[in-house]
Protein backbone atom coordinates (compact mmCIF):
# COMPACT_ATOMS: atom_id res chain seq x y z
CA MET A 1 16.90 -53.55 -4.14
CA ASN A 2 20.04 -53.58 -2.32
CA HIS A 3 20.62 -57.14 -3.34
CA ILE A 4 20.46 -56.23 -7.04
CA ILE A 5 22.64 -53.39 -6.68
CA SER A 6 25.12 -55.81 -5.09
CA LYS A 7 24.86 -58.34 -7.75
CA LEU A 8 25.16 -55.75 -10.34
CA ASN A 9 28.40 -54.14 -8.75
CA LEU A 10 29.67 -57.85 -8.76
CA LEU A 11 29.01 -57.93 -12.12
CA PHE A 12 30.29 -54.99 -13.35
CA CYS A 13 33.52 -54.79 -11.24
CA ALA A 14 34.67 -58.37 -12.08
CA PRO A 15 36.06 -57.74 -15.34
CA ILE A 16 38.35 -54.79 -14.16
CA LEU A 17 39.38 -57.03 -10.97
CA THR A 18 40.62 -59.57 -13.64
CA LEU A 19 42.35 -56.90 -15.64
CA VAL A 20 44.54 -55.85 -12.64
CA LEU A 21 45.47 -59.07 -11.66
CA LEU A 22 46.57 -59.61 -15.28
CA ASN A 23 48.51 -56.63 -15.23
CA THR A 24 50.31 -57.22 -12.11
CA SER A 25 50.97 -60.82 -12.34
CA ASN A 26 54.73 -60.31 -13.01
CA PHE A 27 55.14 -58.53 -9.43
CA ALA A 28 55.73 -60.28 -6.30
CA PHE A 29 56.92 -57.52 -4.15
CA ALA A 30 58.03 -57.97 -0.75
CA ALA A 31 57.02 -55.25 1.48
CA ASP A 32 60.00 -55.71 3.67
CA ILE A 33 62.55 -55.67 0.79
CA LYS A 34 65.29 -52.70 1.95
CA HIS A 35 68.30 -52.44 0.05
CA SER A 36 71.57 -50.03 0.61
CA PHE A 37 73.43 -49.73 -2.31
CA ILE A 38 76.32 -47.13 -4.11
CA VAL A 39 75.52 -45.95 -7.87
CA PHE A 40 77.91 -45.28 -10.34
CA GLY A 41 77.25 -43.24 -13.27
CA ALA A 42 76.82 -39.38 -14.08
CA GLU A 43 76.41 -39.14 -10.05
CA THR A 44 78.10 -41.20 -7.65
CA PHE A 45 76.40 -41.95 -4.54
CA VAL A 46 75.21 -44.21 -1.44
CA VAL A 47 71.60 -44.66 -1.03
CA ASP A 48 70.49 -46.33 2.53
CA GLY A 49 67.82 -48.70 3.14
CA ASP A 50 65.43 -46.03 3.20
CA GLY A 51 65.88 -44.73 -0.24
CA LYS A 52 68.17 -41.58 0.99
CA ILE A 53 71.22 -40.52 -0.05
CA SER A 54 73.89 -40.91 2.76
CA TRP A 55 77.02 -40.11 0.64
CA GLN A 56 77.26 -37.95 -2.32
CA ILE A 57 80.78 -38.38 -4.41
CA PRO A 58 81.42 -35.48 -6.65
CA LYS A 59 82.74 -37.88 -9.14
CA SER A 60 81.48 -38.95 -12.65
CA SER A 61 82.24 -42.75 -12.44
CA ARG A 62 82.20 -45.76 -14.73
CA ASP A 63 82.54 -48.29 -12.22
CA GLY A 64 83.41 -48.59 -8.54
CA TRP A 65 83.06 -50.50 -5.12
CA LEU A 66 82.41 -49.45 -1.34
CA LEU A 67 85.70 -50.95 0.21
CA SER A 68 85.42 -52.97 3.68
CA ASN A 69 87.34 -49.74 5.11
CA GLY A 70 84.70 -47.67 4.59
CA ASN A 71 86.16 -45.79 1.14
CA ALA A 72 84.87 -45.79 -2.52
CA LEU A 73 86.88 -47.11 -5.16
CA LEU A 74 86.00 -45.40 -8.42
CA ALA A 75 86.82 -45.81 -12.21
CA VAL A 76 86.45 -42.06 -12.85
CA SER A 77 84.97 -40.75 -16.22
CA LYS A 78 87.13 -38.80 -18.34
CA GLY A 79 87.23 -35.43 -18.18
CA LYS A 80 88.73 -31.70 -17.76
CA GLU A 81 90.83 -33.01 -14.65
CA TYR A 82 91.26 -36.84 -15.53
CA PRO A 83 91.46 -36.53 -19.68
CA GLY A 84 92.26 -40.26 -19.91
CA GLY A 85 89.78 -41.13 -17.02
CA ALA A 86 91.38 -42.45 -13.57
CA VAL A 87 91.15 -45.00 -10.66
CA LEU A 88 90.50 -43.45 -7.38
CA GLU A 89 90.22 -44.45 -3.79
CA ILE A 90 88.31 -41.71 -2.15
CA THR A 91 87.50 -41.26 1.80
CA LYS A 92 84.30 -40.30 3.24
CA GLU A 93 85.92 -37.13 4.31
CA GLY A 94 86.76 -36.45 0.44
CA LYS A 95 90.43 -37.24 0.92
CA THR A 96 91.96 -39.04 -2.09
CA VAL A 97 94.03 -41.94 -0.64
CA PHE A 98 95.00 -43.53 -4.13
CA GLU A 99 95.25 -42.32 -7.82
CA PHE A 100 96.55 -43.98 -11.47
CA LYS A 101 95.51 -41.53 -14.08
CA GLY A 102 94.64 -43.21 -17.49
CA THR A 103 96.64 -42.96 -20.23
CA GLN A 104 94.19 -43.41 -23.00
CA SER A 105 90.88 -42.92 -24.08
CA GLU A 106 88.89 -44.05 -21.02
CA VAL A 107 89.15 -46.09 -17.66
CA ASN A 108 86.02 -48.19 -17.77
CA THR A 109 86.23 -50.56 -15.03
CA VAL A 110 87.90 -51.16 -11.75
CA MET A 111 87.93 -54.16 -9.23
CA PRO A 112 89.98 -54.41 -5.85
CA LEU A 113 92.00 -57.52 -5.48
CA ASP A 114 92.46 -59.77 -2.72
CA ASN A 115 96.51 -59.32 -2.46
CA GLY A 116 95.72 -55.41 -2.37
CA ASN A 117 96.38 -54.51 -5.72
CA ILE A 118 93.94 -52.96 -8.15
CA MET A 119 92.79 -53.81 -11.78
CA PHE A 120 91.17 -51.81 -14.22
CA THR A 121 90.56 -51.83 -18.40
CA GLU A 122 92.01 -48.70 -20.81
CA ALA A 123 90.14 -48.16 -23.67
CA GLY A 124 92.19 -46.67 -26.47
CA PRO A 125 93.92 -47.40 -29.33
CA LYS A 126 95.98 -50.39 -27.52
CA PRO A 127 93.05 -51.58 -25.33
CA ARG A 128 94.63 -53.37 -21.98
CA LEU A 129 94.06 -54.66 -18.66
CA ILE A 130 96.23 -53.63 -16.11
CA GLU A 131 97.20 -54.55 -12.46
CA VAL A 132 98.61 -51.77 -10.60
CA SER A 133 100.04 -52.30 -6.48
CA ARG A 134 99.25 -49.52 -4.34
CA GLU A 135 102.14 -47.84 -4.86
CA GLY A 136 101.37 -47.51 -8.14
CA LYS A 137 103.76 -50.04 -10.01
CA ILE A 138 101.98 -51.81 -12.65
CA ILE A 139 102.29 -55.61 -12.04
CA VAL A 140 100.24 -56.82 -15.01
CA ASP A 141 99.88 -55.12 -18.39
CA MET A 142 97.66 -57.36 -20.76
CA PRO A 143 96.76 -56.44 -24.32
CA ILE A 144 93.10 -56.97 -24.88
CA GLN A 145 91.69 -58.44 -28.67
CA ALA A 146 89.03 -55.92 -29.30
CA GLN A 147 88.35 -53.70 -32.16
CA THR A 148 89.57 -50.23 -32.20
CA LYS A 149 87.58 -48.08 -34.23
CA ASP A 150 85.43 -46.94 -31.33
CA HIS A 151 87.55 -47.08 -28.58
CA HIS A 152 84.06 -46.17 -26.16
CA LEU A 153 82.64 -49.62 -27.31
CA GLN A 154 85.51 -51.57 -26.68
CA THR A 155 85.10 -53.08 -22.82
CA ARG A 156 83.26 -52.36 -19.81
CA MET A 157 83.06 -54.61 -16.47
CA ALA A 158 86.08 -56.60 -16.87
CA ARG A 159 86.68 -58.97 -13.55
CA LYS A 160 89.33 -61.01 -12.45
CA LEU A 161 88.09 -64.62 -11.43
CA PRO A 162 89.01 -67.00 -8.65
CA ASN A 163 91.08 -69.12 -11.27
CA GLY A 164 93.29 -66.09 -12.17
CA ASN A 165 91.52 -65.61 -15.58
CA TYR A 166 90.17 -62.28 -16.55
CA LEU A 167 86.42 -61.97 -17.96
CA ILE A 168 85.88 -59.16 -20.21
CA PRO A 169 82.70 -57.90 -22.06
CA GLN A 170 83.52 -56.81 -25.23
CA LEU A 171 80.45 -54.31 -26.54
CA LEU A 172 81.24 -53.65 -30.13
CA ASP A 173 82.80 -57.06 -30.91
CA LYS A 174 79.60 -58.59 -29.38
CA VAL A 175 81.62 -61.42 -27.28
CA VAL A 176 82.40 -62.10 -23.65
CA ARG A 177 86.01 -63.53 -23.37
CA GLU A 178 87.71 -65.06 -20.83
CA TYR A 179 91.68 -64.19 -21.04
CA SER A 180 94.58 -65.91 -19.30
CA PRO A 181 97.16 -63.90 -17.61
CA ASP A 182 99.25 -64.13 -20.61
CA GLY A 183 96.39 -62.84 -23.04
CA LYS A 184 95.37 -66.00 -24.59
CA ILE A 185 91.60 -66.50 -25.37
CA VAL A 186 90.60 -69.80 -23.19
CA TRP A 187 86.55 -69.19 -23.62
CA GLU A 188 84.10 -67.16 -25.43
CA VAL A 189 80.64 -66.75 -25.98
CA LYS A 190 79.17 -64.35 -28.55
CA THR A 191 76.24 -62.44 -27.31
CA PRO A 192 72.81 -60.95 -29.16
CA ASN A 193 73.82 -57.53 -28.40
CA TRP A 194 76.36 -55.76 -26.56
CA PRO A 195 77.29 -57.24 -23.76
CA PHE A 196 78.04 -54.88 -20.45
CA THR A 197 78.19 -56.73 -17.57
CA ALA A 198 79.85 -60.70 -17.46
CA ILE A 199 79.58 -62.15 -13.73
CA ARG A 200 80.72 -65.46 -13.69
CA LEU A 201 78.57 -67.57 -10.91
CA PRO A 202 79.76 -70.18 -8.57
CA ASP A 203 77.82 -73.27 -10.87
CA GLY A 204 80.18 -72.08 -13.71
CA ASN A 205 77.51 -70.30 -15.63
CA THR A 206 77.82 -66.66 -16.97
CA LEU A 207 75.08 -64.11 -16.20
CA ILE A 208 75.26 -61.00 -18.85
CA ASN A 209 73.59 -57.97 -19.26
CA CYS A 210 73.25 -56.84 -22.95
CA THR A 211 72.85 -52.93 -23.01
CA ILE A 212 70.44 -51.61 -25.61
CA GLY A 213 69.19 -55.35 -26.58
CA HIS A 214 67.00 -54.30 -23.22
CA LEU A 215 68.24 -58.07 -22.27
CA VAL A 216 69.57 -60.60 -19.25
CA ILE A 217 71.03 -63.98 -20.20
CA GLU A 218 72.66 -66.64 -18.45
CA VAL A 219 74.74 -69.14 -20.36
CA ASP A 220 76.24 -72.45 -19.37
CA PRO A 221 79.80 -73.11 -19.98
CA LYS A 222 79.03 -74.27 -23.39
CA GLY A 223 77.66 -70.83 -24.44
CA GLN A 224 74.05 -72.25 -24.31
CA THR A 225 71.45 -69.89 -22.76
CA VAL A 226 70.21 -71.65 -19.90
CA TRP A 227 67.84 -68.39 -18.56
CA SER A 228 67.14 -65.30 -20.13
CA LEU A 229 65.18 -61.84 -19.16
CA SER A 230 63.48 -59.25 -21.58
CA ASN A 231 61.20 -56.42 -21.13
CA ASP A 232 58.57 -59.48 -22.93
CA ASP A 233 58.88 -60.93 -19.51
CA LEU A 234 58.09 -57.98 -17.59
CA PRO A 235 55.24 -55.34 -17.38
CA GLY A 236 55.51 -51.93 -18.57
CA LYS A 237 58.52 -53.19 -20.36
CA PRO A 238 60.64 -51.39 -17.51
CA ILE A 239 64.33 -52.26 -18.91
CA ASN A 240 66.07 -49.51 -20.61
CA ASP A 241 69.42 -50.04 -21.24
CA ALA A 242 70.18 -53.31 -19.31
CA CYS A 243 74.06 -52.09 -18.04
CA GLY A 244 75.06 -52.70 -14.93
CA GLY A 245 73.88 -55.85 -12.79
CA HIS A 246 74.32 -57.93 -9.35
CA ARG A 247 73.53 -61.40 -8.84
CA LEU A 248 72.45 -61.50 -4.86
CA PRO A 249 72.99 -64.40 -2.83
CA ASN A 250 69.27 -65.70 -2.67
CA GLY A 251 69.52 -66.33 -6.76
CA ASN A 252 67.73 -62.79 -7.44
CA THR A 253 69.38 -60.49 -10.05
CA VAL A 254 69.46 -56.52 -9.80
CA ILE A 255 69.41 -54.49 -12.99
CA THR A 256 70.03 -51.06 -13.94
CA SER A 257 68.40 -49.43 -16.49
CA HIS A 258 71.23 -47.11 -17.71
CA HIS A 259 68.52 -44.64 -19.99
CA ALA A 260 66.05 -44.11 -17.33
CA LYS A 261 65.21 -40.56 -16.75
CA ALA A 262 63.85 -38.85 -13.75
CA ASN A 263 60.71 -40.71 -12.04
CA GLU A 264 61.29 -43.60 -14.08
CA THR A 265 62.61 -47.15 -12.44
CA LYS A 266 66.13 -46.73 -12.70
CA LEU A 267 67.13 -50.47 -10.67
CA ILE A 268 64.76 -53.50 -10.61
CA GLU A 269 65.10 -56.99 -8.85
CA VAL A 270 63.84 -60.10 -10.24
CA ASN A 271 63.97 -63.69 -8.99
CA ARG A 272 64.39 -66.82 -10.87
CA ASP A 273 60.67 -67.06 -11.95
CA LYS A 274 61.03 -63.49 -13.33
CA LYS A 275 58.86 -61.61 -10.99
CA ILE A 276 59.70 -58.36 -9.94
CA VAL A 277 60.40 -58.11 -6.17
CA TRP A 278 61.76 -54.77 -5.55
CA THR A 279 62.93 -51.25 -7.57
CA TYR A 280 64.17 -48.05 -7.06
CA THR A 281 63.23 -44.88 -8.54
CA ASN A 282 64.35 -41.23 -8.18
CA SER A 283 63.80 -37.98 -9.41
CA LYS A 284 67.69 -37.36 -10.88
CA ASN A 285 68.18 -37.27 -14.49
CA ALA A 286 71.12 -38.70 -14.40
CA SER A 287 71.77 -42.29 -15.35
CA ILE A 288 73.10 -45.37 -13.45
CA HIS A 289 75.57 -46.92 -15.17
CA HIS A 290 76.28 -49.58 -12.83
CA PHE A 291 75.85 -50.30 -8.99
CA GLN A 292 76.32 -52.48 -5.92
CA ILE A 293 73.96 -53.76 -3.39
CA LEU A 294 75.73 -53.33 -0.21
CA ASP A 295 72.61 -54.96 2.19
CA THR A 296 69.47 -56.23 2.56
CA ASN A 297 67.21 -55.24 5.64
CA GLY A 298 70.55 -53.93 7.08
CA VAL A 299 72.27 -57.33 6.47
CA ALA A 300 75.29 -57.01 4.34
CA ILE A 301 75.62 -58.98 1.00
CA SER A 302 77.62 -62.24 2.03
CA GLY A 303 80.99 -63.33 0.21
CA LYS A 304 82.41 -61.69 -2.74
CA PRO A 305 79.48 -59.38 -4.76
CA LEU A 306 78.84 -60.98 -8.06
CA ARG A 307 78.29 -57.82 -10.00
């Protein structure tokens, strides 16, 4: 009798096991992966490798960096205190050691430069990219060739490239453009949806997150797509407004779902084979606009962050 029951159990359990395997085929979780990272969005905070918040910064932010000196450099959202947004550098003690107030509608991105200056963009009737010294002197004031009917959807994560040019995602224009310092467009690629993050990779390719398209694409210098990731590639369709992105040194890509709510997946990490290897979920309703992975298993991310 026991022999017959065992055969029946095997017969009826087999289809269920197969279903589970099919549903998890796009997962390749490494149990030992732990990241610490800083989050920019409706709330700004640092998460340690155990998933606990180690530093809560009382500012709503659009972009930012955790600097080598331990301070946070932020593109602060517009509000009562900063009607045009701002760039702030804040210590762990809460002291503001650098402040530049936006003069138009929003400050949407910020980047620390090797020479000590700070680069950021302003959205408004005259969209522009600015570099300022630590004394607040404007060094570069470059107009951005973007639509002006919707200031909020002009630009996002602009970055200065090693060649001195600027890479700027232009949302409503559905284009990523590379500008020379004199404001000339020297390269561009059209995108299938609003581009948010544009990351120039060491091999010359560009990784682009396309917000409400729930899509990530990697294009070569000719603008041809050589890799892509969408919800069709992943179980459960976890991408919900692909805003911030970070390409890690091991080739994996971390993506934020800006529209994810409490207890929904806010960050996912995928490898080149489009397998999910790490996720982050929290109980906050606050969205994650962008982020910076700081370390993996206590080892700091090497080189300049590709984000």
